[in-house]
Amino acid sequence: MEAAVRKSAWAIELELLDALDELDAMEDGDDLPDSLAAVVFDCMEAALEKRDALAGAMKRRHAEIAALMERATDARIKAERATRSLERLNNYILSILDLQDKKNLPGVQYRIGWRRNPDRVELAPDFPLLHNGGSPYVRLITATVEADKRAIAEALKRGDTVPGARLVEGSRRIVVS
C-alpha cells in the first residue's frame, strides 16, 4: 500500500483502467482474481489518501496565506504607530529648537535641525475652477471614466438589459472542508 501512495494520480488512474479492462475481459460467473481485487483496492485507497493529501496541502496553504495577511496587517499597524511616534518626536524637537530660538542643535554623532519645506498653495473652497481657456491659473486634467460593474451586475440580475454587458457565471474555486 505504501508504494501506491507514492504513485502519481496518473499512474493510479492507469492501473485502474488496466484493472477495468481485465474485468471487462472476464466471463460472467468467473471469480474475481485476488490479484485484480488487490489492485483495485490499493488504487482506491491510494486515490483516497492522495485526495486527503491534496486537501491537507490546500488547508495548509490557506492557513499560510491567512498568517501572512495577519503579519502584513500587524506590520502596517506597527508602521502607523512608528510614524505617529516619529511625528511626536519631531514636534518635541521643534518645540525645543523654537524655545532656544535655534535652527539646529549639534550632537556628538548627529546634528538635529530643521529645514523649511517648499511653500504650497492653499485654495479657498470658492476658488473658480472654470476652464475657459482664459485663465492662466486653471488647467484641464482629463478624468478617468470606467464602468461601474457592481451597478451593472445588480441591473442584470434584476433582469434589466444593459447594452454591451452580460453576466458571466463565476469561475469555480476549490473548497476544502
N, C-alpha and C. Protein backbone atom coordinates (compact mmCIF):
# COMPACT_ATOMS: atom_id res chain seq x y z
N MET A 1 0.82 -1.20 0.00
CA MET A 1 0.00 0.00 0.00
C MET A 1 0.86 1.25 0.00
N GLU A 2 1.96 1.20 0.73
CA GLU A 2 2.82 2.38 0.83
C GLU A 2 3.35 2.80 -0.53
N ALA A 3 3.66 1.84 -1.39
CA ALA A 3 4.16 2.16 -2.73
C ALA A 3 3.07 2.83 -3.55
N ALA A 4 1.82 2.44 -3.37
CA ALA A 4 0.72 3.04 -4.13
C ALA A 4 0.52 4.50 -3.76
N VAL A 5 0.79 4.84 -2.52
CA VAL A 5 0.62 6.21 -2.07
C VAL A 5 1.60 7.13 -2.79
N ARG A 6 2.76 6.62 -3.12
CA ARG A 6 3.78 7.44 -3.76
C ARG A 6 3.54 7.59 -5.26
N LYS A 7 2.63 6.82 -5.82
CA LYS A 7 2.37 6.89 -7.25
C LYS A 7 1.66 8.19 -7.59
N SER A 8 1.88 8.62 -8.81
CA SER A 8 1.17 9.82 -9.26
C SER A 8 -0.28 9.46 -9.51
N ALA A 9 -1.13 10.49 -9.53
CA ALA A 9 -2.54 10.27 -9.80
C ALA A 9 -2.72 9.63 -11.18
N TRP A 10 -1.88 9.99 -12.12
CA TRP A 10 -1.94 9.44 -13.47
C TRP A 10 -1.62 7.95 -13.44
N ALA A 11 -0.60 7.55 -12.70
CA ALA A 11 -0.23 6.13 -12.61
C ALA A 11 -1.35 5.33 -11.96
N ILE A 12 -1.98 5.90 -10.94
CA ILE A 12 -3.09 5.22 -10.28
C ILE A 12 -4.25 5.04 -11.26
N GLU A 13 -4.54 6.08 -12.02
CA GLU A 13 -5.62 6.00 -13.00
C GLU A 13 -5.32 4.93 -14.06
N LEU A 14 -4.08 4.87 -14.50
CA LEU A 14 -3.71 3.85 -15.50
C LEU A 14 -3.89 2.44 -14.94
N GLU A 15 -3.50 2.23 -13.67
CA GLU A 15 -3.68 0.92 -13.05
C GLU A 15 -5.16 0.57 -12.96
N LEU A 16 -5.98 1.54 -12.61
CA LEU A 16 -7.42 1.30 -12.54
C LEU A 16 -7.99 0.97 -13.91
N LEU A 17 -7.55 1.69 -14.93
CA LEU A 17 -8.03 1.41 -16.29
C LEU A 17 -7.63 0.00 -16.73
N ASP A 18 -6.40 -0.40 -16.42
CA ASP A 18 -5.95 -1.76 -16.75
C ASP A 18 -6.81 -2.79 -16.02
N ALA A 19 -7.11 -2.52 -14.74
CA ALA A 19 -7.94 -3.44 -13.97
C ALA A 19 -9.34 -3.53 -14.55
N LEU A 20 -9.87 -2.41 -15.00
CA LEU A 20 -11.20 -2.42 -15.61
C LEU A 20 -11.20 -3.19 -16.92
N ASP A 21 -10.14 -3.06 -17.71
CA ASP A 21 -10.02 -3.83 -18.95
C ASP A 21 -10.01 -5.32 -18.64
N GLU A 22 -9.29 -5.70 -17.59
CA GLU A 22 -9.22 -7.10 -17.20
C GLU A 22 -10.60 -7.59 -16.74
N LEU A 23 -11.34 -6.73 -16.03
CA LEU A 23 -12.69 -7.08 -15.59
C LEU A 23 -13.61 -7.26 -16.79
N ASP A 24 -13.48 -6.37 -17.79
CA ASP A 24 -14.33 -6.46 -18.98
C ASP A 24 -14.07 -7.77 -19.74
N ALA A 25 -12.83 -8.26 -19.69
CA ALA A 25 -12.48 -9.47 -20.43
C ALA A 25 -12.98 -10.73 -19.74
N MET A 26 -13.39 -10.62 -18.50
CA MET A 26 -13.84 -11.79 -17.75
C MET A 26 -15.24 -12.21 -18.21
N GLU A 27 -15.50 -13.47 -18.11
CA GLU A 27 -16.81 -14.03 -18.46
C GLU A 27 -17.73 -13.92 -17.24
N ASP A 28 -19.03 -13.87 -17.49
CA ASP A 28 -19.99 -13.89 -16.39
C ASP A 28 -19.81 -15.16 -15.58
N GLY A 29 -19.83 -15.00 -14.31
CA GLY A 29 -19.71 -16.16 -13.42
C GLY A 29 -18.29 -16.46 -13.01
N ASP A 30 -17.29 -15.82 -13.71
CA ASP A 30 -15.89 -16.04 -13.31
C ASP A 30 -15.65 -15.37 -11.96
N ASP A 31 -14.82 -16.01 -11.17
CA ASP A 31 -14.45 -15.41 -9.88
C ASP A 31 -13.43 -14.30 -10.12
N LEU A 32 -13.56 -13.28 -9.35
CA LEU A 32 -12.63 -12.16 -9.44
C LEU A 32 -11.30 -12.60 -8.86
N PRO A 33 -10.22 -12.54 -9.66
CA PRO A 33 -8.90 -12.94 -9.13
C PRO A 33 -8.50 -12.04 -7.96
N ASP A 34 -7.87 -12.64 -6.97
CA ASP A 34 -7.44 -11.88 -5.80
C ASP A 34 -6.47 -10.76 -6.18
N SER A 35 -5.62 -11.03 -7.15
CA SER A 35 -4.63 -10.01 -7.56
C SER A 35 -5.34 -8.79 -8.15
N LEU A 36 -6.41 -9.02 -8.92
CA LEU A 36 -7.16 -7.92 -9.51
C LEU A 36 -7.89 -7.13 -8.43
N ALA A 37 -8.47 -7.84 -7.50
CA ALA A 37 -9.16 -7.17 -6.40
C ALA A 37 -8.17 -6.34 -5.59
N ALA A 38 -6.98 -6.87 -5.39
CA ALA A 38 -5.97 -6.14 -4.62
C ALA A 38 -5.55 -4.86 -5.34
N VAL A 39 -5.39 -4.92 -6.67
CA VAL A 39 -5.02 -3.73 -7.44
C VAL A 39 -6.10 -2.67 -7.32
N VAL A 40 -7.35 -3.09 -7.50
CA VAL A 40 -8.46 -2.13 -7.40
C VAL A 40 -8.51 -1.51 -6.01
N PHE A 41 -8.40 -2.36 -4.99
CA PHE A 41 -8.44 -1.85 -3.61
C PHE A 41 -7.28 -0.90 -3.34
N ASP A 42 -6.07 -1.31 -3.72
CA ASP A 42 -4.89 -0.46 -3.48
C ASP A 42 -5.02 0.87 -4.20
N CYS A 43 -5.51 0.82 -5.43
CA CYS A 43 -5.65 2.06 -6.20
C CYS A 43 -6.70 2.98 -5.57
N MET A 44 -7.80 2.40 -5.11
CA MET A 44 -8.84 3.22 -4.48
C MET A 44 -8.32 3.82 -3.18
N GLU A 45 -7.59 3.03 -2.41
CA GLU A 45 -7.01 3.54 -1.16
C GLU A 45 -6.01 4.66 -1.44
N ALA A 46 -5.16 4.43 -2.45
CA ALA A 46 -4.15 5.44 -2.79
C ALA A 46 -4.83 6.73 -3.25
N ALA A 47 -5.90 6.59 -4.03
CA ALA A 47 -6.62 7.78 -4.50
C ALA A 47 -7.21 8.54 -3.33
N LEU A 48 -7.77 7.82 -2.35
CA LEU A 48 -8.33 8.49 -1.17
C LEU A 48 -7.24 9.23 -0.40
N GLU A 49 -6.10 8.56 -0.22
CA GLU A 49 -5.01 9.19 0.51
C GLU A 49 -4.47 10.40 -0.26
N LYS A 50 -4.41 10.28 -1.59
CA LYS A 50 -3.96 11.43 -2.40
C LYS A 50 -4.92 12.59 -2.24
N ARG A 51 -6.24 12.28 -2.29
CA ARG A 51 -7.25 13.33 -2.12
C ARG A 51 -7.07 14.03 -0.78
N ASP A 52 -6.88 13.24 0.27
CA ASP A 52 -6.68 13.84 1.60
C ASP A 52 -5.39 14.65 1.65
N ALA A 53 -4.34 14.14 0.99
CA ALA A 53 -3.08 14.88 0.97
C ALA A 53 -3.25 16.22 0.24
N LEU A 54 -3.97 16.20 -0.89
CA LEU A 54 -4.22 17.45 -1.61
C LEU A 54 -5.04 18.42 -0.77
N ALA A 55 -6.10 17.91 -0.14
CA ALA A 55 -6.94 18.77 0.70
C ALA A 55 -6.13 19.32 1.86
N GLY A 56 -5.29 18.49 2.46
CA GLY A 56 -4.44 18.95 3.57
C GLY A 56 -3.49 20.04 3.11
N ALA A 57 -2.89 19.85 1.93
CA ALA A 57 -1.98 20.87 1.40
C ALA A 57 -2.71 22.18 1.15
N MET A 58 -3.94 22.08 0.65
CA MET A 58 -4.73 23.30 0.40
C MET A 58 -5.06 24.00 1.72
N LYS A 59 -5.44 23.24 2.73
CA LYS A 59 -5.75 23.84 4.03
C LYS A 59 -4.51 24.53 4.61
N ARG A 60 -3.35 23.87 4.49
CA ARG A 60 -2.12 24.48 5.00
C ARG A 60 -1.79 25.77 4.23
N ARG A 61 -2.02 25.77 2.91
CA ARG A 61 -1.74 26.97 2.11
C ARG A 61 -2.69 28.10 2.50
N HIS A 62 -3.97 27.77 2.74
CA HIS A 62 -4.92 28.79 3.21
C HIS A 62 -4.47 29.37 4.55
N ALA A 63 -4.03 28.50 5.45
CA ALA A 63 -3.56 28.96 6.75
C ALA A 63 -2.32 29.84 6.61
N GLU A 64 -1.43 29.45 5.70
CA GLU A 64 -0.22 30.25 5.45
C GLU A 64 -0.60 31.64 4.93
N ILE A 65 -1.54 31.68 4.00
CA ILE A 65 -1.98 32.97 3.45
C ILE A 65 -2.60 33.83 4.55
N ALA A 66 -3.44 33.22 5.38
CA ALA A 66 -4.07 33.96 6.48
C ALA A 66 -3.01 34.50 7.43
N ALA A 67 -2.01 33.69 7.73
CA ALA A 67 -0.95 34.14 8.63
C ALA A 67 -0.16 35.29 8.01
N LEU A 68 0.13 35.19 6.71
CA LEU A 68 0.86 36.27 6.03
C LEU A 68 0.03 37.56 6.02
N MET A 69 -1.27 37.44 5.77
CA MET A 69 -2.13 38.62 5.77
C MET A 69 -2.17 39.24 7.17
N GLU A 70 -2.22 38.39 8.18
CA GLU A 70 -2.22 38.89 9.56
C GLU A 70 -0.90 39.61 9.87
N ARG A 71 0.20 39.01 9.42
CA ARG A 71 1.50 39.67 9.65
C ARG A 71 1.58 40.98 8.90
N ALA A 72 1.02 41.04 7.69
CA ALA A 72 1.02 42.29 6.93
C ALA A 72 0.20 43.34 7.65
N THR A 73 -0.94 42.93 8.20
CA THR A 73 -1.77 43.86 8.97
C THR A 73 -1.02 44.33 10.20
N ASP A 74 -0.38 43.40 10.91
CA ASP A 74 0.41 43.79 12.08
C ASP A 74 1.53 44.75 11.70
N ALA A 75 2.20 44.47 10.59
CA ALA A 75 3.29 45.35 10.14
C ALA A 75 2.76 46.74 9.80
N ARG A 76 1.60 46.81 9.15
CA ARG A 76 1.01 48.11 8.82
C ARG A 76 0.66 48.88 10.10
N ILE A 77 0.08 48.19 11.08
CA ILE A 77 -0.27 48.83 12.35
C ILE A 77 0.99 49.32 13.06
N LYS A 78 2.04 48.50 13.06
CA LYS A 78 3.30 48.90 13.70
C LYS A 78 3.92 50.10 12.97
N ALA A 79 3.84 50.11 11.64
CA ALA A 79 4.38 51.24 10.88
C ALA A 79 3.59 52.52 11.19
N GLU A 80 2.28 52.41 11.33
CA GLU A 80 1.47 53.58 11.67
C GLU A 80 1.84 54.10 13.06
N ARG A 81 2.03 53.18 14.02
CA ARG A 81 2.45 53.60 15.37
C ARG A 81 3.81 54.27 15.33
N ALA A 82 4.74 53.67 14.58
CA ALA A 82 6.08 54.25 14.49
C ALA A 82 6.03 55.63 13.84
N THR A 83 5.16 55.80 12.85
CA THR A 83 5.02 57.10 12.19
C THR A 83 4.49 58.14 13.17
N ARG A 84 3.47 57.76 13.95
CA ARG A 84 2.93 58.70 14.96
C ARG A 84 3.99 59.04 16.01
N SER A 85 4.77 58.04 16.41
CA SER A 85 5.84 58.27 17.38
C SER A 85 6.88 59.23 16.81
N LEU A 86 7.25 59.05 15.56
CA LEU A 86 8.21 59.93 14.91
C LEU A 86 7.66 61.36 14.82
N GLU A 87 6.38 61.49 14.51
CA GLU A 87 5.77 62.82 14.45
C GLU A 87 5.82 63.50 15.82
N ARG A 88 5.57 62.73 16.89
CA ARG A 88 5.66 63.31 18.25
C ARG A 88 7.09 63.75 18.55
N LEU A 89 8.08 62.92 18.15
CA LEU A 89 9.48 63.30 18.35
C LEU A 89 9.83 64.57 17.56
N ASN A 90 9.35 64.65 16.32
CA ASN A 90 9.60 65.84 15.52
C ASN A 90 9.03 67.08 16.19
N ASN A 91 7.79 66.98 16.66
CA ASN A 91 7.15 68.12 17.32
C ASN A 91 7.90 68.50 18.60
N TYR A 92 8.37 67.51 19.35
CA TYR A 92 9.13 67.76 20.57
C TYR A 92 10.43 68.51 20.25
N ILE A 93 11.15 68.03 19.24
CA ILE A 93 12.42 68.67 18.86
C ILE A 93 12.17 70.09 18.34
N LEU A 94 11.14 70.26 17.53
CA LEU A 94 10.82 71.61 17.04
C LEU A 94 10.49 72.55 18.19
N SER A 95 9.79 72.05 19.20
CA SER A 95 9.46 72.92 20.34
C SER A 95 10.73 73.33 21.09
N ILE A 96 11.69 72.38 21.23
CA ILE A 96 12.96 72.71 21.89
C ILE A 96 13.73 73.75 21.06
N LEU A 97 13.80 73.54 19.75
CA LEU A 97 14.51 74.48 18.89
C LEU A 97 13.84 75.86 18.93
N ASP A 98 12.51 75.88 18.92
CA ASP A 98 11.79 77.16 18.99
C ASP A 98 12.04 77.86 20.32
N LEU A 99 12.04 77.10 21.42
CA LEU A 99 12.28 77.70 22.74
C LEU A 99 13.67 78.33 22.81
N GLN A 100 14.63 77.69 22.17
CA GLN A 100 16.01 78.20 22.21
C GLN A 100 16.30 79.12 21.03
N ASP A 101 15.29 79.32 20.18
CA ASP A 101 15.43 80.19 19.01
C ASP A 101 16.65 79.78 18.17
N LYS A 102 16.74 78.47 17.90
CA LYS A 102 17.85 77.93 17.11
C LYS A 102 17.31 77.17 15.92
N LYS A 103 18.15 77.03 14.91
CA LYS A 103 17.78 76.28 13.72
C LYS A 103 18.31 74.85 13.79
N ASN A 104 19.35 74.60 14.60
CA ASN A 104 19.86 73.24 14.77
C ASN A 104 20.57 73.12 16.10
N LEU A 105 20.73 71.87 16.53
CA LEU A 105 21.45 71.55 17.77
C LEU A 105 22.49 70.50 17.43
N PRO A 106 23.77 70.81 17.58
CA PRO A 106 24.80 69.83 17.26
C PRO A 106 24.92 68.79 18.38
N GLY A 107 25.19 67.53 17.97
CA GLY A 107 25.45 66.45 18.92
C GLY A 107 26.83 65.91 18.65
N VAL A 108 27.16 64.76 19.24
CA VAL A 108 28.46 64.14 19.02
C VAL A 108 28.47 63.47 17.64
N GLN A 109 27.46 62.66 17.36
CA GLN A 109 27.41 61.95 16.08
C GLN A 109 26.50 62.64 15.06
N TYR A 110 25.46 63.28 15.54
CA TYR A 110 24.46 63.84 14.64
C TYR A 110 24.21 65.30 14.98
N ARG A 111 23.58 65.95 14.04
CA ARG A 111 23.13 67.32 14.26
C ARG A 111 21.64 67.32 13.97
N ILE A 112 20.84 67.80 14.91
CA ILE A 112 19.39 67.85 14.73
C ILE A 112 19.04 69.28 14.34
N GLY A 113 18.29 69.38 13.28
CA GLY A 113 17.88 70.72 12.85
C GLY A 113 16.60 70.65 12.05
N TRP A 114 16.24 71.78 11.48
CA TRP A 114 15.04 71.79 10.65
C TRP A 114 15.29 72.56 9.38
N ARG A 115 14.54 72.23 8.38
CA ARG A 115 14.56 72.92 7.10
C ARG A 115 13.12 73.22 6.74
N ARG A 116 12.90 74.31 6.09
CA ARG A 116 11.55 74.66 5.69
C ARG A 116 11.20 73.94 4.39
N ASN A 117 10.01 73.33 4.37
CA ASN A 117 9.50 72.72 3.14
C ASN A 117 9.15 73.81 2.15
N PRO A 118 9.06 73.48 0.88
CA PRO A 118 8.66 74.50 -0.10
C PRO A 118 7.25 75.01 0.21
N ASP A 119 7.00 76.26 -0.15
CA ASP A 119 5.68 76.83 0.05
C ASP A 119 4.66 76.05 -0.77
N ARG A 120 3.43 76.00 -0.29
CA ARG A 120 2.38 75.32 -1.02
C ARG A 120 1.18 76.26 -1.13
N VAL A 121 0.40 76.03 -2.15
CA VAL A 121 -0.77 76.86 -2.40
C VAL A 121 -1.97 76.24 -1.71
N GLU A 122 -2.72 77.05 -1.02
CA GLU A 122 -3.95 76.60 -0.39
C GLU A 122 -5.09 77.37 -1.04
N LEU A 123 -6.08 76.64 -1.58
CA LEU A 123 -7.18 77.28 -2.29
C LEU A 123 -8.41 77.38 -1.40
N ALA A 124 -9.09 78.50 -1.49
CA ALA A 124 -10.35 78.67 -0.79
C ALA A 124 -11.40 77.78 -1.44
N PRO A 125 -12.39 77.34 -0.69
CA PRO A 125 -13.42 76.47 -1.27
C PRO A 125 -14.15 77.08 -2.47
N ASP A 126 -14.23 78.40 -2.53
CA ASP A 126 -14.95 79.04 -3.63
C ASP A 126 -14.03 79.48 -4.78
N PHE A 127 -12.80 78.93 -4.83
CA PHE A 127 -11.89 79.28 -5.92
C PHE A 127 -12.50 78.83 -7.24
N PRO A 128 -12.58 79.72 -8.25
CA PRO A 128 -13.24 79.35 -9.51
C PRO A 128 -12.38 78.40 -10.35
N LEU A 129 -12.93 77.22 -10.59
CA LEU A 129 -12.20 76.21 -11.36
C LEU A 129 -12.77 76.07 -12.78
N LEU A 130 -13.38 77.09 -13.28
CA LEU A 130 -13.93 77.04 -14.63
C LEU A 130 -12.79 77.14 -15.64
N HIS A 131 -12.80 76.22 -16.58
CA HIS A 131 -11.76 76.21 -17.61
C HIS A 131 -12.35 76.79 -18.88
N ASN A 132 -12.00 78.01 -19.13
CA ASN A 132 -12.49 78.64 -20.36
C ASN A 132 -11.34 79.04 -21.27
N GLY A 133 -10.16 78.60 -20.95
CA GLY A 133 -9.01 78.89 -21.79
C GLY A 133 -8.39 80.25 -21.49
N GLY A 134 -9.10 81.09 -20.75
CA GLY A 134 -8.58 82.43 -20.50
C GLY A 134 -7.82 82.55 -19.20
N SER A 135 -7.98 81.61 -18.30
CA SER A 135 -7.33 81.72 -17.00
C SER A 135 -5.99 81.00 -17.02
N PRO A 136 -4.92 81.69 -16.67
CA PRO A 136 -3.61 81.03 -16.60
C PRO A 136 -3.46 80.18 -15.34
N TYR A 137 -4.48 80.23 -14.47
CA TYR A 137 -4.38 79.52 -13.18
C TYR A 137 -5.22 78.24 -13.13
N VAL A 138 -5.77 77.85 -14.25
CA VAL A 138 -6.59 76.64 -14.31
C VAL A 138 -6.11 75.79 -15.48
N ARG A 139 -5.99 74.49 -15.24
CA ARG A 139 -5.63 73.57 -16.31
C ARG A 139 -6.64 72.42 -16.31
N LEU A 140 -6.83 71.85 -17.46
CA LEU A 140 -7.77 70.76 -17.63
C LEU A 140 -7.03 69.43 -17.55
N ILE A 141 -7.43 68.58 -16.61
CA ILE A 141 -6.87 67.25 -16.47
C ILE A 141 -8.02 66.29 -16.73
N THR A 142 -7.86 65.43 -17.71
CA THR A 142 -8.96 64.54 -18.08
C THR A 142 -9.24 63.53 -16.98
N ALA A 143 -10.49 63.25 -16.81
CA ALA A 143 -10.93 62.30 -15.79
C ALA A 143 -10.91 60.88 -16.37
N THR A 144 -10.75 59.92 -15.51
CA THR A 144 -10.82 58.52 -15.91
C THR A 144 -12.27 58.07 -15.82
N VAL A 145 -12.77 57.50 -16.88
CA VAL A 145 -14.13 57.00 -16.90
C VAL A 145 -14.07 55.48 -16.98
N GLU A 146 -14.78 54.81 -16.07
CA GLU A 146 -14.80 53.36 -16.10
C GLU A 146 -16.20 52.87 -15.75
N ALA A 147 -16.50 51.68 -16.18
CA ALA A 147 -17.82 51.10 -15.94
C ALA A 147 -17.98 50.74 -14.47
N ASP A 148 -19.18 50.94 -13.94
CA ASP A 148 -19.50 50.55 -12.57
C ASP A 148 -20.03 49.12 -12.63
N LYS A 149 -19.14 48.15 -12.52
CA LYS A 149 -19.51 46.74 -12.70
C LYS A 149 -20.49 46.27 -11.65
N ARG A 150 -20.40 46.79 -10.44
CA ARG A 150 -21.33 46.38 -9.39
C ARG A 150 -22.76 46.79 -9.76
N ALA A 151 -22.95 48.03 -10.21
CA ALA A 151 -24.27 48.51 -10.61
C ALA A 151 -24.79 47.73 -11.82
N ILE A 152 -23.89 47.43 -12.77
CA ILE A 152 -24.28 46.67 -13.95
C ILE A 152 -24.72 45.26 -13.54
N ALA A 153 -23.97 44.62 -12.64
CA ALA A 153 -24.31 43.27 -12.19
C ALA A 153 -25.69 43.27 -11.52
N GLU A 154 -25.95 44.26 -10.67
CA GLU A 154 -27.25 44.34 -10.00
C GLU A 154 -28.37 44.50 -11.02
N ALA A 155 -28.15 45.34 -12.03
CA ALA A 155 -29.17 45.55 -13.05
C ALA A 155 -29.42 44.27 -13.85
N LEU A 156 -28.36 43.57 -14.23
CA LEU A 156 -28.51 42.33 -14.99
C LEU A 156 -29.21 41.25 -14.16
N LYS A 157 -28.90 41.18 -12.87
CA LYS A 157 -29.55 40.19 -12.01
C LYS A 157 -31.03 40.50 -11.84
N ARG A 158 -31.40 41.77 -11.91
CA ARG A 158 -32.82 42.16 -11.84
C ARG A 158 -33.54 41.84 -13.14
N GLY A 159 -32.77 41.56 -14.20
CA GLY A 159 -33.37 41.27 -15.49
C GLY A 159 -33.33 42.44 -16.45
N ASP A 160 -32.72 43.54 -16.05
CA ASP A 160 -32.61 44.70 -16.94
C ASP A 160 -31.62 44.38 -18.07
N THR A 161 -31.79 45.08 -19.18
CA THR A 161 -30.86 44.94 -20.30
C THR A 161 -29.86 46.09 -20.24
N VAL A 162 -28.58 45.75 -20.27
CA VAL A 162 -27.51 46.75 -20.29
C VAL A 162 -26.73 46.51 -21.57
N PRO A 163 -26.87 47.40 -22.56
CA PRO A 163 -26.19 47.19 -23.84
C PRO A 163 -24.67 47.06 -23.66
N GLY A 164 -24.13 46.03 -24.30
CA GLY A 164 -22.67 45.82 -24.25
C GLY A 164 -22.20 45.08 -23.00
N ALA A 165 -23.14 44.62 -22.17
CA ALA A 165 -22.75 43.92 -20.95
C ALA A 165 -23.56 42.64 -20.82
N ARG A 166 -22.94 41.64 -20.23
CA ARG A 166 -23.63 40.40 -19.94
C ARG A 166 -23.09 39.84 -18.65
N LEU A 167 -23.89 39.04 -17.97
CA LEU A 167 -23.48 38.43 -16.72
C LEU A 167 -22.85 37.09 -17.03
N VAL A 168 -21.60 36.87 -16.61
CA VAL A 168 -20.87 35.65 -16.86
C VAL A 168 -20.80 34.88 -15.55
N GLU A 169 -21.08 33.58 -15.63
CA GLU A 169 -21.04 32.75 -14.44
C GLU A 169 -19.64 32.79 -13.83
N GLY A 170 -19.58 32.90 -12.52
CA GLY A 170 -18.30 32.98 -11.81
C GLY A 170 -17.51 31.70 -11.97
N SER A 171 -16.20 31.83 -11.90
CA SER A 171 -15.34 30.66 -12.03
C SER A 171 -15.46 29.80 -10.77
N ARG A 172 -15.12 28.56 -10.90
CA ARG A 172 -15.18 27.65 -9.77
C ARG A 172 -13.96 27.82 -8.91
N ARG A 173 -14.13 27.56 -7.63
CA ARG A 173 -12.99 27.56 -6.73
C ARG A 173 -13.08 26.35 -5.83
N ILE A 174 -11.98 25.87 -5.42
CA ILE A 174 -11.91 24.67 -4.60
C ILE A 174 -12.20 25.04 -3.15
N VAL A 175 -13.03 24.26 -2.49
CA VAL A 175 -13.36 24.48 -1.08
C VAL A 175 -12.97 23.22 -0.33
N VAL A 176 -12.15 23.35 0.68
CA VAL A 176 -11.76 22.22 1.50
C VAL A 176 -12.46 22.37 2.83
N SER A 177 -13.24 21.37 3.21
CA SER A 177 -13.95 21.46 4.49
C SER A 177 -13.60 20.31 5.39
